[in-house]
C-alpha cells in the first residue's frame, strides 16, 4: 500500500480563513460567511490577492462599522505567481486581515435575527388618515 505524504501547509489549513475573490461571489456572501466564522471560531482571517484586496478591506470595514468585529492584525506582502498568458513570474500584492469577535457580537446577532416589522408604504399611510 502506498503512503501519501501531505505537505505540512495542507495540514495546517486554517478552518477560519476566507480567501476572497472579487469575481466569484457577491460581497455580502463573504460578509455573512465571515459572521458565521466569527460565531464559530471567535475570529476570522480574510485574505486576498491583487484586485480582490479592496473587497477584503470593504468586508472588514462593514463588520467593524456594524460593531460585529474588532481588528486584530493586518499584514501585507507580495507573492510571486506565474502569469498564465506569458508564463513569467509576476509579483502580486497580498493582504491578510484577522478580525476578532467584538463584545457586542452576540447581542447584535440576536437582534439581527429578529425580523423587523415592515415599514408602511405610502398607500397604507393614506388609508390610515
Protein backbone atom coordinates (compact mmCIF):
# COMPACT_ATOMS: atom_id res chain seq x y z
CA UNK A 1 0.00 0.00 0.00
CA UNK A 2 1.38 3.42 -0.97
CA UNK A 3 1.92 6.11 1.63
CA UNK A 4 0.72 9.59 0.76
CA UNK A 5 2.79 12.42 2.19
CA UNK A 6 0.72 15.52 2.85
CA UNK A 7 2.69 18.77 2.97
CA UNK A 8 2.52 20.49 6.33
CA UNK A 9 0.97 23.59 4.76
CA UNK A 10 -2.02 21.49 3.72
CA UNK A 11 -2.45 20.07 7.23
CA UNK A 12 -2.40 23.48 8.88
CA UNK A 13 -5.00 24.98 6.51
CA UNK A 14 -6.99 27.22 8.84
CA UNK A 15 -10.67 26.47 9.28
CA UNK A 16 -11.45 30.14 9.85
CA UNK A 17 -9.72 31.54 6.72
CA UNK A 18 -11.70 33.03 3.87
CA UNK A 19 -9.85 33.55 0.59
CA UNK A 20 -11.76 36.31 -1.14
CA UNK A 21 -12.15 36.68 -4.90
CA UNK A 22 -13.80 39.73 -6.40
CA UNK A 23 -15.17 37.70 -9.30
CA UNK A 24 -16.58 34.50 -7.79
CA UNK A 25 -19.12 35.53 -5.12
CA UNK A 26 -21.02 38.70 -4.20
CA UNK A 27 -19.72 40.92 -1.39
CA UNK A 28 -22.40 40.00 1.14
CA UNK A 29 -21.77 36.29 0.65
CA UNK A 30 -18.34 36.93 2.19
CA UNK A 31 -19.74 39.25 4.89
CA UNK A 32 -22.24 36.59 6.01
CA UNK A 33 -19.62 33.83 5.82
CA UNK A 34 -17.27 35.93 7.96
CA UNK A 35 -20.06 36.43 10.54
CA UNK A 36 -20.56 32.67 10.69
CA UNK A 37 -16.81 32.03 11.11
CA UNK A 38 -16.60 34.64 13.89
CA UNK A 39 -19.53 32.96 15.62
CA UNK A 40 -17.90 29.51 15.38
CA UNK A 41 -14.20 30.35 15.92
CA UNK A 42 -14.29 33.78 17.67
CA UNK A 43 -12.17 35.17 14.83
CA UNK A 44 -11.85 35.09 11.05
CA UNK A 45 -8.89 35.57 8.73
CA UNK A 46 -9.69 37.29 5.45
CA UNK A 47 -7.09 37.07 2.69
CA UNK A 48 -6.93 38.26 -0.90
CA UNK A 49 -4.57 38.83 -3.80
CA UNK A 50 -4.36 41.73 -6.24
CA UNK A 51 -7.64 43.31 -7.28
CA UNK A 52 -9.60 41.45 -4.56
CA UNK A 53 -7.81 43.41 -1.81
CA UNK A 54 -10.39 46.22 -1.96
CA UNK A 55 -13.15 43.64 -1.43
CA UNK A 56 -11.43 42.28 1.71
CA UNK A 57 -10.98 45.78 3.12
CA UNK A 58 -14.66 46.53 2.44
CA UNK A 59 -15.76 43.30 4.19
CA UNK A 60 -13.61 44.12 7.22
CA UNK A 61 -14.94 47.69 7.38
CA UNK A 62 -18.58 46.54 7.16
CA UNK A 63 -18.06 44.11 10.06
CA UNK A 64 -16.18 46.71 12.13
CA UNK A 65 -18.60 49.57 11.45
CA UNK A 66 -21.57 47.37 12.39
CA UNK A 67 -19.87 46.62 15.72
CA UNK A 68 -19.52 42.89 14.98
CA UNK A 69 -15.74 42.63 14.82
CA UNK A 70 -12.53 44.21 16.02
CA UNK A 71 -9.32 44.36 14.02
CA UNK A 72 -6.61 42.09 15.44
CA UNK A 73 -3.96 42.04 12.72
CA UNK A 74 -3.34 43.35 9.23
CA UNK A 75 -0.42 42.12 7.16
CA UNK A 76 0.60 42.84 3.60
CA UNK A 77 3.09 41.09 1.37
CA UNK A 78 3.84 40.20 -2.22
CA UNK A 79 3.53 36.75 -3.72
CA UNK A 80 5.31 35.51 -6.82
CA UNK A 81 2.85 33.92 -9.25
CA UNK A 82 3.22 32.62 -12.78
CA UNK A 83 1.46 34.75 -15.40
CA UNK A 84 -0.98 32.48 -17.25
CA UNK A 85 -0.52 34.28 -20.58
CA UNK A 86 3.22 34.90 -20.71
CA UNK A 87 4.50 32.20 -18.34
CA UNK A 88 6.75 34.59 -16.43
CA UNK A 89 6.84 35.26 -12.68
CA UNK A 90 4.66 38.20 -11.61
CA UNK A 91 4.55 39.79 -8.14
CA UNK A 92 1.03 40.13 -6.74
CA UNK A 93 0.03 42.12 -3.67
CA UNK A 94 -1.48 40.09 -0.81
CA UNK A 95 -3.37 41.18 2.30
CA UNK A 96 -4.43 39.24 5.38
CA UNK A 97 -6.81 40.77 7.91
CA UNK A 98 -7.62 38.97 11.16
CA UNK A 99 -10.83 40.09 12.83
CA UNK A 100 -11.91 39.07 16.32
CA UNK A 101 -15.37 38.81 17.82
CA UNK A 102 -16.49 42.10 19.36
CA UNK A 103 -18.00 42.29 22.85
CA UNK A 104 -21.35 43.26 21.29
CA UNK A 105 -21.30 40.48 18.63
CA UNK A 106 -23.73 38.06 20.32
CA UNK A 107 -26.28 40.71 21.27
CA UNK A 108 -26.11 42.29 17.79
CA UNK A 109 -26.55 38.91 16.09
CA UNK A 110 -29.61 38.00 18.19
CA UNK A 111 -31.29 41.33 17.41
CA UNK A 112 -30.43 40.90 13.71
CA UNK A 113 -32.23 37.54 13.56
CA UNK A 114 -35.46 39.05 14.92
CA UNK A 115 -37.32 40.22 11.82
CA UNK A 116 -38.13 43.93 11.86
CA UNK A 117 -41.71 44.93 11.11
CA UNK A 118 -42.17 46.02 7.50
CA UNK A 119 -42.39 49.78 7.07
CA UNK A 120 -45.74 51.17 5.94
CA UNK A 121 -45.72 52.34 2.35
CA UNK A 122 -47.49 55.47 1.08
CA UNK A 123 -50.75 53.60 0.31
CA UNK A 124 -51.01 52.31 3.88
CA UNK A 125 -50.39 55.80 5.26
CA UNK A 126 -53.21 57.28 3.16
CA UNK A 127 -55.68 54.60 4.33
CA UNK A 128 -54.86 55.37 7.95
CA UNK A 129 -55.75 59.09 7.61
